[in-house]
Structures are given as structure tokens and as C-alpha cells.
Amino acid sequence: MIKFNAAPEFDFDEWATLHQRDPEAFEARRRALLAIEVARGGDHATAAKAMLERLEAQLEGKSDAERARLSLLAMVASAKQMTERLDDLAARLRERADLQNRLPRP
């Protein structure tokens, strides 16, 4: 599972300043950080890398506003997919609990 580092050493102002002063350095730093996080994905690293590559291809050459909009849409789609999978898991767990409740008690 990918674990995102929400450590206090992240400095939003530093990133924002870098983006304003040197967008290419910002982009290189952003890509390097994402590559590190994807590599930490263990069993999911390959799928995460493929997903990130698809998103990067969609964002290539877009304005900052369009990049933000497309990234948000990707996050919403991901959240929807996760919700569907969690709903499916919850239904399976309820079915299992129902089956266990029907078993005779010793």
C-alpha cells in the first residue's frame, strides 16, 4: 500500500516559491517525489506507476488550471472506485456474518 508522507518537514511555501521561480525544477522535484512514493508501493507499485504514467500523459502540456482540474477528476474517479470496492467488501462481510449466524451453536 502506498503511504503518503505527511511529515511536518513538507513546506508548502517552499514548493510554491520553487514553482514560481523555476517551474522546471519544481516539476523535476515533483516527479522525483512521486517516483519515490510509487516505488514504496510494494505489490501495488507496478499498477501505481502505470496509473501515474497515464495521468502524466493526460496532463502533459496543459495549463496549471487544467492540470489541477484533471487531477481532481482523477482523484474523484479513484475515490468512486474505492467506494465501490469497499461497498462490495461490506456486502460480502454481511453475507458471511449472516451465514455464520445461521450455523448451529455448539
PDB file of N, CA and C in Angstrom:
ATOM      1  N   MET A   1       0.846  -1.178   0.000  1.00  0.00           N
ATOM      2  CA  MET A   1       0.000   0.000   0.000  1.00  0.00           C
ATOM      3  C   MET A   1       0.888   1.237   0.000  1.00  0.00           C
ATOM      4  N   ILE A   2       0.558   2.224  -0.776  1.00  0.00           N
ATOM      5  CA  ILE A   2       1.319   3.456  -0.802  1.00  0.00           C
ATOM      6  C   ILE A   2       0.964   4.260   0.441  1.00  0.00           C
ATOM      7  N   LYS A   3       1.987   4.682   1.133  1.00  0.00           N
ATOM      8  CA  LYS A   3       1.795   5.525   2.304  1.00  0.00           C
ATOM      9  C   LYS A   3       2.345   6.899   1.976  1.00  0.00           C
ATOM     10  N   PHE A   4       1.509   7.898   2.070  1.00  0.00           N
ATOM     11  CA  PHE A   4       1.939   9.239   1.757  1.00  0.00           C
ATOM     12  C   PHE A   4       2.550   9.875   2.992  1.00  0.00           C
ATOM     13  N   ASN A   5       3.660  10.531   2.791  1.00  0.00           N
ATOM     14  CA  ASN A   5       4.388  11.151   3.883  1.00  0.00           C
ATOM     15  C   ASN A   5       3.798  12.525   4.171  1.00  0.00           C
ATOM     16  N   ALA A   6       3.088  12.632   5.279  1.00  0.00           N
ATOM     17  CA  ALA A   6       2.506  13.906   5.686  1.00  0.00           C
ATOM     18  C   ALA A   6       3.369  14.508   6.785  1.00  0.00           C
ATOM     19  N   ALA A   7       4.660  14.285   6.687  1.00  0.00           N
ATOM     20  CA  ALA A   7       5.592  14.743   7.714  1.00  0.00           C
ATOM     21  C   ALA A   7       5.615  16.265   7.781  1.00  0.00           C
ATOM     22  N   PRO A   8       5.903  16.794   8.964  1.00  0.00           N
ATOM     23  CA  PRO A   8       5.897  18.245   9.133  1.00  0.00           C
ATOM     24  C   PRO A   8       6.977  18.955   8.333  1.00  0.00           C
ATOM     25  N   GLU A   9       7.980  18.217   7.800  1.00  0.00           N
ATOM     26  CA  GLU A   9       9.027  18.895   7.048  1.00  0.00           C
ATOM     27  C   GLU A   9       8.575  19.343   5.654  1.00  0.00           C
ATOM     28  N   PHE A  10       7.384  18.937   5.236  1.00  0.00           N
ATOM     29  CA  PHE A  10       6.865  19.437   3.961  1.00  0.00           C
ATOM     30  C   PHE A  10       6.554  20.917   4.123  1.00  0.00           C
ATOM     31  N   ASP A  11       7.113  21.719   3.245  1.00  0.00           N
ATOM     32  CA  ASP A  11       6.945  23.171   3.329  1.00  0.00           C
ATOM     33  C   ASP A  11       6.234  23.652   2.066  1.00  0.00           C
ATOM     34  N   PHE A  12       4.935  23.880   2.196  1.00  0.00           N
ATOM     35  CA  PHE A  12       4.136  24.305   1.048  1.00  0.00           C
ATOM     36  C   PHE A  12       4.690  25.594   0.450  1.00  0.00           C
ATOM     37  N   ASP A  13       5.061  26.543   1.311  1.00  0.00           N
ATOM     38  CA  ASP A  13       5.585  27.822   0.807  1.00  0.00           C
ATOM     39  C   ASP A  13       6.852  27.615  -0.019  1.00  0.00           C
ATOM     40  N   GLU A  14       7.700  26.689   0.418  1.00  0.00           N
ATOM     41  CA  GLU A  14       8.919  26.391  -0.334  1.00  0.00           C
ATOM     42  C   GLU A  14       8.576  25.854  -1.720  1.00  0.00           C
ATOM     43  N   TRP A  15       7.617  24.917  -1.768  1.00  0.00           N
ATOM     44  CA  TRP A  15       7.201  24.355  -3.053  1.00  0.00           C
ATOM     45  C   TRP A  15       6.573  25.431  -3.940  1.00  0.00           C
ATOM     46  N   ALA A  16       5.728  26.282  -3.365  1.00  0.00           N
ATOM     47  CA  ALA A  16       5.074  27.338  -4.138  1.00  0.00           C
ATOM     48  C   ALA A  16       6.109  28.319  -4.695  1.00  0.00           C
ATOM     49  N   THR A  17       7.081  28.672  -3.870  1.00  0.00           N
ATOM     50  CA  THR A  17       8.135  29.584  -4.317  1.00  0.00           C
ATOM     51  C   THR A  17       8.950  28.954  -5.433  1.00  0.00           C
ATOM     52  N   LEU A  18       9.298  27.674  -5.275  1.00  0.00           N
ATOM     53  CA  LEU A  18      10.040  26.979  -6.322  1.00  0.00           C
ATOM     54  C   LEU A  18       9.246  26.962  -7.626  1.00  0.00           C
ATOM     55  N   HIS A  19       7.946  26.712  -7.528  1.00  0.00           N
ATOM     56  CA  HIS A  19       7.099  26.694  -8.726  1.00  0.00           C
ATOM     57  C   HIS A  19       7.112  28.046  -9.424  1.00  0.00           C
ATOM     58  N   GLN A  20       7.091  29.119  -8.655  1.00  0.00           N
ATOM     59  CA  GLN A  20       7.087  30.461  -9.245  1.00  0.00           C
ATOM     60  C   GLN A  20       8.442  30.830  -9.837  1.00  0.00           C
ATOM     61  N   ARG A  21       9.526  30.477  -9.142  1.00  0.00           N
ATOM     62  CA  ARG A  21      10.864  30.863  -9.590  1.00  0.00           C
ATOM     63  C   ARG A  21      11.410  29.969 -10.692  1.00  0.00           C
ATOM     64  N   ASP A  22      11.160  28.664 -10.577  1.00  0.00           N
ATOM     65  CA  ASP A  22      11.755  27.714 -11.512  1.00  0.00           C
ATOM     66  C   ASP A  22      10.805  26.535 -11.746  1.00  0.00           C
ATOM     67  N   PRO A  23       9.818  26.727 -12.619  1.00  0.00           N
ATOM     68  CA  PRO A  23       8.828  25.670 -12.850  1.00  0.00           C
ATOM     69  C   PRO A  23       9.448  24.332 -13.268  1.00  0.00           C
ATOM     70  N   GLU A  24      10.548  24.362 -14.010  1.00  0.00           N
ATOM     71  CA  GLU A  24      11.177  23.105 -14.436  1.00  0.00           C
ATOM     72  C   GLU A  24      11.774  22.359 -13.239  1.00  0.00           C
ATOM     73  N   ALA A  25      12.404  23.093 -12.317  1.00  0.00           N
ATOM     74  CA  ALA A  25      12.955  22.458 -11.110  1.00  0.00           C
ATOM     75  C   ALA A  25      11.820  21.925 -10.237  1.00  0.00           C
ATOM     76  N   PHE A  26      10.731  22.688 -10.153  1.00  0.00           N
ATOM     77  CA  PHE A  26       9.564  22.230  -9.400  1.00  0.00           C
ATOM     78  C   PHE A  26       9.056  20.911  -9.971  1.00  0.00           C
ATOM     79  N   GLU A  27       8.922  20.862 -11.304  1.00  0.00           N
ATOM     80  CA  GLU A  27       8.399  19.661 -11.955  1.00  0.00           C
ATOM     81  C   GLU A  27       9.331  18.476 -11.745  1.00  0.00           C
ATOM     82  N   ALA A  28      10.635  18.701 -11.832  1.00  0.00           N
ATOM     83  CA  ALA A  28      11.594  17.610 -11.613  1.00  0.00           C
ATOM     84  C   ALA A  28      11.500  17.103 -10.173  1.00  0.00           C
ATOM     85  N   ARG A  29      11.370  18.003  -9.237  1.00  0.00           N
ATOM     86  CA  ARG A  29      11.249  17.621  -7.822  1.00  0.00           C
ATOM     87  C   ARG A  29       9.948  16.859  -7.571  1.00  0.00           C
ATOM     88  N   ARG A  30       8.868  17.355  -8.166  1.00  0.00           N
ATOM     89  CA  ARG A  30       7.565  16.708  -8.004  1.00  0.00           C
ATOM     90  C   ARG A  30       7.607  15.282  -8.553  1.00  0.00           C
ATOM     91  N   ARG A  31       8.168  15.123  -9.751  1.00  0.00           N
ATOM     92  CA  ARG A  31       8.253  13.798 -10.367  1.00  0.00           C
ATOM     93  C   ARG A  31       9.127  12.852  -9.546  1.00  0.00           C
ATOM     94  N   ALA A  32      10.233  13.376  -9.016  1.00  0.00           N
ATOM     95  CA  ALA A  32      11.124  12.541  -8.203  1.00  0.00           C
ATOM     96  C   ALA A  32      10.410  12.071  -6.942  1.00  0.00           C
ATOM     97  N   LEU A  33       9.686  12.961  -6.288  1.00  0.00           N
ATOM     98  CA  LEU A  33       8.955  12.602  -5.076  1.00  0.00           C
ATOM     99  C   LEU A  33       7.874  11.562  -5.371  1.00  0.00           C
ATOM    100  N   LEU A  34       7.152  11.759  -6.471  1.00  0.00           N
ATOM    101  CA  LEU A  34       6.127  10.783  -6.843  1.00  0.00           C
ATOM    102  C   LEU A  34       6.749   9.423  -7.166  1.00  0.00           C
ATOM    103  N   ALA A  35       7.885   9.424  -7.847  1.00  0.00           N
ATOM    104  CA  ALA A  35       8.554   8.162  -8.175  1.00  0.00           C
ATOM    105  C   ALA A  35       8.971   7.425  -6.904  1.00  0.00           C
ATOM    106  N   ILE A  36       9.449   8.158  -5.916  1.00  0.00           N
ATOM    107  CA  ILE A  36       9.832   7.542  -4.640  1.00  0.00           C
ATOM    108  C   ILE A  36       8.610   6.933  -3.969  1.00  0.00           C
ATOM    109  N   GLU A  37       7.519   7.663  -3.920  1.00  0.00           N
ATOM    110  CA  GLU A  37       6.306   7.163  -3.268  1.00  0.00           C
ATOM    111  C   GLU A  37       5.739   5.957  -4.011  1.00  0.00           C
ATOM    112  N   VAL A  38       5.776   5.987  -5.335  1.00  0.00           N
ATOM    113  CA  VAL A  38       5.276   4.846  -6.114  1.00  0.00           C
ATOM    114  C   VAL A  38       6.152   3.623  -5.848  1.00  0.00           C
ATOM    115  N   ALA A  39       7.462   3.828  -5.798  1.00  0.00           N
ATOM    116  CA  ALA A  39       8.378   2.711  -5.547  1.00  0.00           C
ATOM    117  C   ALA A  39       8.127   2.074  -4.187  1.00  0.00           C
ATOM    118  N   ARG A  40       7.648   2.844  -3.243  1.00  0.00           N
ATOM    119  CA  ARG A  40       7.329   2.324  -1.911  1.00  0.00           C
ATOM    120  C   ARG A  40       6.034   1.526  -1.907  1.00  0.00           C
ATOM    121  N   GLY A  41       5.383   1.430  -3.035  1.00  0.00           N
ATOM    122  CA  GLY A  41       4.079   0.785  -3.123  1.00  0.00           C
ATOM    123  C   GLY A  41       4.086  -0.719  -2.992  1.00  0.00           C
ATOM    124  N   GLY A  42       5.249  -1.331  -2.905  1.00  0.00           N
ATOM    125  CA  GLY A  42       5.311  -2.782  -2.740  1.00  0.00           C
ATOM    126  C   GLY A  42       4.620  -3.501  -3.882  1.00  0.00           C
ATOM    127  N   ASP A  43       3.683  -4.378  -3.532  1.00  0.00           N
ATOM    128  CA  ASP A  43       2.966  -5.169  -4.530  1.00  0.00           C
ATOM    129  C   ASP A  43       2.161  -4.311  -5.498  1.00  0.00           C
ATOM    130  N   HIS A  44       1.824  -3.108  -5.083  1.00  0.00           N
ATOM    131  CA  HIS A  44       0.988  -2.235  -5.902  1.00  0.00           C
ATOM    132  C   HIS A  44       1.805  -1.247  -6.733  1.00  0.00           C
ATOM    133  N   ALA A  45       3.124  -1.321  -6.646  1.00  0.00           N
ATOM    134  CA  ALA A  45       3.979  -0.341  -7.310  1.00  0.00           C
ATOM    135  C   ALA A  45       3.777  -0.320  -8.821  1.00  0.00           C
ATOM    136  N   THR A  46       3.657  -1.483  -9.440  1.00  0.00           N
ATOM    137  CA  THR A  46       3.512  -1.541 -10.896  1.00  0.00           C
ATOM    138  C   THR A  46       2.209  -0.883 -11.339  1.00  0.00           C
ATOM    139  N   ALA A  47       1.128  -1.202 -10.662  1.00  0.00           N
ATOM    140  CA  ALA A  47      -0.170  -0.596 -11.008  1.00  0.00           C
ATOM    141  C   ALA A  47      -0.161   0.899 -10.732  1.00  0.00           C
ATOM    142  N   ALA A  48       0.443   1.303  -9.621  1.00  0.00           N
ATOM    143  CA  ALA A  48       0.504   2.733  -9.284  1.00  0.00           C
ATOM    144  C   ALA A  48       1.333   3.490 -10.311  1.00  0.00           C
ATOM    145  N   LYS A  49       2.442   2.886 -10.740  1.00  0.00           N
ATOM    146  CA  LYS A  49       3.291   3.527 -11.738  1.00  0.00           C
ATOM    147  C   LYS A  49       2.537   3.695 -13.050  1.00  0.00           C
ATOM    148  N   ALA A  50       1.814   2.670 -13.476  1.00  0.00           N
ATOM    149  CA  ALA A  50       1.042   2.744 -14.719  1.00  0.00           C
ATOM    150  C   ALA A  50      -0.036   3.824 -14.631  1.00  0.00           C
ATOM    151  N   MET A  51      -0.710   3.887 -13.491  1.00  0.00           N
ATOM    152  CA  MET A  51      -1.752   4.900 -13.302  1.00  0.00           C
ATOM    153  C   MET A  51      -1.143   6.298 -13.351  1.00  0.00           C
ATOM    154  N   LEU A  52      -0.010   6.475 -12.681  1.00  0.00           N
ATOM    155  CA  LEU A  52       0.660   7.775 -12.673  1.00  0.00           C
ATOM    156  C   LEU A  52       1.122   8.161 -14.078  1.00  0.00           C
ATOM    157  N   GLU A  53       1.633   7.204 -14.833  1.00  0.00           N
ATOM    158  CA  GLU A  53       2.070   7.488 -16.204  1.00  0.00           C
ATOM    159  C   GLU A  53       0.897   7.910 -17.081  1.00  0.00           C
ATOM    160  N   ARG A  54      -0.263   7.261 -16.908  1.00  0.00           N
ATOM    161  CA  ARG A  54      -1.454   7.662 -17.679  1.00  0.00           C
ATOM    162  C   ARG A  54      -1.873   9.086 -17.332  1.00  0.00           C
ATOM    163  N   LEU A  55      -1.858   9.399 -16.038  1.00  0.00           N
ATOM    164  CA  LEU A  55      -2.239  10.745 -15.617  1.00  0.00           C
ATOM    165  C   LEU A  55      -1.240  11.770 -16.136  1.00  0.00           C
ATOM    166  N   GLU A  56       0.049  11.465 -16.034  1.00  0.00           N
ATOM    167  CA  GLU A  56       1.078  12.391 -16.522  1.00  0.00           C
ATOM    168  C   GLU A  56       0.913  12.653 -18.019  1.00  0.00           C
ATOM    169  N   ALA A  57       0.579  11.622 -18.781  1.00  0.00           N
ATOM    170  CA  ALA A  57       0.374  11.788 -20.221  1.00  0.00           C
ATOM    171  C   ALA A  57      -0.811  12.715 -20.497  1.00  0.00           C
ATOM    172  N   GLN A  58      -1.863  12.587 -19.700  1.00  0.00           N
ATOM    173  CA  GLN A  58      -3.035  13.456 -19.866  1.00  0.00           C
ATOM    174  C   GLN A  58      -2.713  14.902 -19.506  1.00  0.00           C
ATOM    175  N   LEU A  59      -1.806  15.104 -18.545  1.00  0.00           N
ATOM    176  CA  LEU A  59      -1.500  16.437 -18.059  1.00  0.00           C
ATOM    177  C   LEU A  59      -0.448  17.164 -18.887  1.00  0.00           C
ATOM    178  N   GLU A  60       0.295  16.424 -19.683  1.00  0.00           N
ATOM    179  CA  GLU A  60       1.396  16.992 -20.454  1.00  0.00           C
ATOM    180  C   GLU A  60       0.935  18.176 -21.297  1.00  0.00           C
ATOM    181  N   GLY A  61       1.618  19.300 -21.137  1.00  0.00           N
ATOM    182  CA  GLY A  61       1.354  20.492 -21.936  1.00  0.00           C
ATOM    183  C   GLY A  61       0.128  21.290 -21.520  1.00  0.00           C
ATOM    184  N   LYS A  62      -0.531  20.895 -20.453  1.00  0.00           N
ATOM    185  CA  LYS A  62      -1.743  21.599 -20.001  1.00  0.00           C
ATOM    186  C   LYS A  62      -1.365  22.760 -19.072  1.00  0.00           C
ATOM    187  N   SER A  63      -2.255  23.726 -18.989  1.00  0.00           N
ATOM    188  CA  SER A  63      -2.051  24.845 -18.064  1.00  0.00           C
ATOM    189  C   SER A  63      -2.183  24.346 -16.629  1.00  0.00           C
ATOM    190  N   ASP A  64      -1.703  25.147 -15.682  1.00  0.00           N
ATOM    191  CA  ASP A  64      -1.808  24.756 -14.282  1.00  0.00           C
ATOM    192  C   ASP A  64      -3.264  24.519 -13.880  1.00  0.00           C
ATOM    193  N   ALA A  65      -4.157  25.386 -14.347  1.00  0.00           N
ATOM    194  CA  ALA A  65      -5.574  25.248 -14.001  1.00  0.00           C
ATOM    195  C   ALA A  65      -6.149  23.955 -14.569  1.00  0.00           C
ATOM    196  N   GLU A  66      -5.799  23.639 -15.810  1.00  0.00           N
ATOM    197  CA  GLU A  66      -6.302  22.413 -16.430  1.00  0.00           C
ATOM    198  C   GLU A  66      -5.685  21.184 -15.763  1.00  0.00           C
ATOM    199  N   ARG A  67      -4.413  21.268 -15.395  1.00  0.00           N
ATOM    200  CA  ARG A  67      -3.758  20.164 -14.682  1.00  0.00           C
ATOM    201  C   ARG A  67      -4.471  19.906 -13.352  1.00  0.00           C
ATOM    202  N   ALA A  68      -4.796  20.990 -12.648  1.00  0.00           N
ATOM    203  CA  ALA A  68      -5.485  20.845 -11.364  1.00  0.00           C
ATOM    204  C   ALA A  68      -6.862  20.223 -11.569  1.00  0.00           C
ATOM    205  N   ARG A  69      -7.580  20.667 -12.604  1.00  0.00           N
ATOM    206  CA  ARG A  69      -8.913  20.139 -12.880  1.00  0.00           C
ATOM    207  C   ARG A  69      -8.853  18.649 -13.227  1.00  0.00           C
ATOM    208  N   LEU A  70      -7.935  18.279 -14.092  1.00  0.00           N
ATOM    209  CA  LEU A  70      -7.817  16.874 -14.491  1.00  0.00           C
ATOM    210  C   LEU A  70      -7.354  15.998 -13.328  1.00  0.00           C
ATOM    211  N   SER A  71      -6.467  16.530 -12.500  1.00  0.00           N
ATOM    212  CA  SER A  71      -6.015  15.775 -11.324  1.00  0.00           C
ATOM    213  C   SER A  71      -7.172  15.550 -10.363  1.00  0.00           C
ATOM    214  N   LEU A  72      -7.999  16.566 -10.179  1.00  0.00           N
ATOM    215  CA  LEU A  72      -9.157  16.441  -9.304  1.00  0.00           C
ATOM    216  C   LEU A  72     -10.127  15.390  -9.839  1.00  0.00           C
ATOM    217  N   LEU A  73     -10.362  15.400 -11.144  1.00  0.00           N
ATOM    218  CA  LEU A  73     -11.247  14.401 -11.741  1.00  0.00           C
ATOM    219  C   LEU A  73     -10.689  12.987 -11.541  1.00  0.00           C
ATOM    220  N   ALA A  74      -9.365  12.846 -11.655  1.00  0.00           N
ATOM    221  CA  ALA A  74      -8.751  11.531 -11.442  1.00  0.00           C
ATOM    222  C   ALA A  74      -8.921  11.087  -9.993  1.00  0.00           C
ATOM    223  N   MET A  75      -8.775  12.024  -9.065  1.00  0.00           N
ATOM    224  CA  MET A  75      -8.962  11.685  -7.644  1.00  0.00           C
ATOM    225  C   MET A  75     -10.405  11.290  -7.362  1.00  0.00           C
ATOM    226  N   VAL A  76     -11.353  12.003  -7.961  1.00  0.00           N
ATOM    227  CA  VAL A  76     -12.766  11.676  -7.766  1.00  0.00           C
ATOM    228  C   VAL A  76     -13.071  10.285  -8.322  1.00  0.00           C
ATOM    229  N   ALA A  77     -12.547   9.985  -9.497  1.00  0.00           N
ATOM    230  CA  ALA A  77     -12.770   8.661 -10.099  1.00  0.00           C
ATOM    231  C   ALA A  77     -12.153   7.573  -9.218  1.00  0.00           C
ATOM    232  N   SER A  78     -10.975   7.842  -8.677  1.00  0.00           N
ATOM    233  CA  SER A  78     -10.319   6.873  -7.799  1.00  0.00           C
ATOM    234  C   SER A  78     -11.124   6.668  -6.520  1.00  0.00           C
ATOM    235  N   ALA A  79     -11.616   7.751  -5.961  1.00  0.00           N
ATOM    236  CA  ALA A  79     -12.422   7.654  -4.735  1.00  0.00           C
ATOM    237  C   ALA A  79     -13.713   6.878  -5.006  1.00  0.00           C
ATOM    238  N   LYS A  80     -14.317   7.110  -6.171  1.00  0.00           N
ATOM    239  CA  LYS A  80     -15.534   6.373  -6.529  1.00  0.00           C
ATOM    240  C   LYS A  80     -15.250   4.884  -6.649  1.00  0.00           C
ATOM    241  N   GLN A  81     -14.141   4.538  -7.304  1.00  0.00           N
ATOM    242  CA  GLN A  81     -13.765   3.131  -7.456  1.00  0.00           C
ATOM    243  C   GLN A  81     -13.500   2.504  -6.086  1.00  0.00           C
ATOM    244  N   MET A  82     -12.815   3.225  -5.220  1.00  0.00           N
ATOM    245  CA  MET A  82     -12.536   2.708  -3.884  1.00  0.00           C
ATOM    246  C   MET A  82     -13.831   2.515  -3.099  1.00  0.00           C
ATOM    247  N   THR A  83     -14.758   3.449  -3.219  1.00  0.00           N
ATOM    248  CA  THR A  83     -16.042   3.340  -2.535  1.00  0.00           C
ATOM    249  C   THR A  83     -16.805   2.105  -3.017  1.00  0.00           C
ATOM    250  N   GLU A  84     -16.801   1.886  -4.324  1.00  0.00           N
ATOM    251  CA  GLU A  84     -17.490   0.710  -4.874  1.00  0.00           C
ATOM    252  C   GLU A  84     -16.883  -0.577  -4.337  1.00  0.00           C
ATOM    253  N   ARG A  85     -15.561  -0.622  -4.273  1.00  0.00           N
ATOM    254  CA  ARG A  85     -14.898  -1.825  -3.760  1.00  0.00           C
ATOM    255  C   ARG A  85     -15.169  -2.020  -2.273  1.00  0.00           C
ATOM    256  N   LEU A  86     -15.192  -0.932  -1.528  1.00  0.00           N
ATOM    257  CA  LEU A  86     -15.496  -1.037  -0.100  1.00  0.00           C
ATOM    258  C   LEU A  86     -16.942  -1.467   0.122  1.00  0.00           C
ATOM    259  N   ASP A  87     -17.850  -0.951  -0.691  1.00  0.00           N
ATOM    260  CA  ASP A  87     -19.251  -1.377  -0.599  1.00  0.00           C
ATOM    261  C   ASP A  87     -19.383  -2.871  -0.892  1.00  0.00           C
ATOM    262  N   ASP A  88     -18.659  -3.353  -1.898  1.00  0.00           N
ATOM    263  CA  ASP A  88     -18.667  -4.776  -2.233  1.00  0.00           C
ATOM    264  C   ASP A  88     -18.111  -5.596  -1.069  1.00  0.00           C
ATOM    265  N   LEU A  89     -17.026  -5.138  -0.499  1.00  0.00           N
ATOM    266  CA  LEU A  89     -16.445  -5.836   0.650  1.00  0.00           C
ATOM    267  C   LEU A  89     -17.421  -5.868   1.821  1.00  0.00           C
ATOM    268  N   ALA A  90     -18.074  -4.753   2.092  1.00  0.00           N
ATOM    269  CA  ALA A  90     -19.043  -4.695   3.189  1.00  0.00           C
ATOM    270  C   ALA A  90     -20.189  -5.682   2.952  1.00  0.00           C
ATOM    271  N   ALA A  91     -20.667  -5.773   1.710  1.00  0.00           N
ATOM    272  CA  ALA A  91     -21.745  -6.713   1.389  1.00  0.00           C
ATOM    273  C   ALA A  91     -21.283  -8.149   1.607  1.00  0.00           C
ATOM    274  N   ARG A  92     -20.062  -8.463   1.197  1.00  0.00           N
ATOM    275  CA  ARG A  92     -19.538  -9.815   1.401  1.00  0.00           C
ATOM    276  C   ARG A  92     -19.393 -10.137   2.886  1.00  0.00           C
ATOM    277  N   LEU A  93     -18.955  -9.177   3.657  1.00  0.00           N
ATOM    278  CA  LEU A  93     -18.810  -9.398   5.098  1.00  0.00           C
ATOM    279  C   LEU A  93     -20.168  -9.606   5.766  1.00  0.00           C
ATOM    280  N   ARG A  94     -21.182  -8.852   5.309  1.00  0.00           N
ATOM    281  CA  ARG A  94     -22.531  -9.048   5.850  1.00  0.00           C
ATOM    282  C   ARG A  94     -23.045 -10.435   5.506  1.00  0.00           C
ATOM    283  N   GLU A  95     -22.811 -10.868   4.257  1.00  0.00           N
ATOM    284  CA  GLU A  95     -23.241 -12.213   3.846  1.00  0.00           C
ATOM    285  C   GLU A  95     -22.549 -13.275   4.698  1.00  0.00           C
ATOM    286  N   ARG A  96     -21.281 -13.106   4.933  1.00  0.00           N
ATOM    287  CA  ARG A  96     -20.543 -14.079   5.745  1.00  0.00           C
ATOM    288  C   ARG A  96     -21.061 -14.105   7.181  1.00  0.00           C
ATOM    289  N   ALA A  97     -21.326 -12.922   7.716  1.00  0.00           N
ATOM    290  CA  ALA A  97     -21.861 -12.859   9.082  1.00  0.00           C
ATOM    291  C   ALA A  97     -23.233 -13.518   9.144  1.00  0.00           C
ATOM    292  N   ASP A  98     -24.067 -13.301   8.123  1.00  0.00           N
ATOM    293  CA  ASP A  98     -25.386 -13.939   8.084  1.00  0.00           C
ATOM    294  C   ASP A  98     -25.251 -15.459   8.049  1.00  0.00           C
ATOM    295  N   LEU A  99     -24.318 -15.948   7.240  1.00  0.00           N
ATOM    296  CA  LEU A  99     -24.092 -17.401   7.157  1.00  0.00           C
ATOM    297  C   LEU A  99     -23.611 -17.948   8.503  1.00  0.00           C
ATOM    298  N   GLN A 100     -22.715 -17.246   9.118  1.00  0.00           N
ATOM    299  CA  GLN A 100     -22.210 -17.701  10.421  1.00  0.00           C
ATOM    300  C   GLN A 100     -23.306 -17.678  11.494  1.00  0.00           C
ATOM    301  N   ASN A 101     -24.175 -16.708  11.410  1.00  0.00           N
ATOM    302  CA  ASN A 101     -25.273 -16.621  12.384  1.00  0.00           C
ATOM    303  C   ASN A 101     -26.284 -17.736  12.206  1.00  0.00           C
ATOM    304  N   ARG A 102     -26.357 -18.331  11.005  1.00  0.00           N
ATOM    305  CA  ARG A 102     -27.292 -19.429  10.754  1.00  0.00           C
ATOM    306  C   ARG A 102     -26.745 -20.775  11.191  1.00  0.00           C
ATOM    307  N   LEU A 103     -25.441 -20.840  11.403  1.00  0.00           N
ATOM    308  CA  LEU A 103     -24.835 -22.104  11.835  1.00  0.00           C
ATOM    309  C   LEU A 103     -25.289 -22.445  13.258  1.00  0.00           C
ATOM    310  N   PRO A 104     -25.488 -23.736  13.507  1.00  0.00           N
ATOM    311  CA  PRO A 104     -25.869 -24.114  14.873  1.00  0.00           C
ATOM    312  C   PRO A 104     -24.735 -23.819  15.849  1.00  0.00           C
ATOM    313  N   ARG A 105     -25.103 -23.356  17.005  1.00  0.00           N
ATOM    314  CA  ARG A 105     -24.124 -23.050  18.054  1.00  0.00           C
ATOM    315  C   ARG A 105     -23.843 -24.301  18.874  1.00  0.00           C
ATOM    316  N   PRO A 106     -22.605 -24.560  19.190  1.00  0.00           N
ATOM    317  CA  PRO A 106     -22.266 -25.747  19.979  1.00  0.00           C
ATOM    318  C   PRO A 106     -22.693 -25.600  21.441  1.00  0.00           C
TER     319      PRO A 106
END
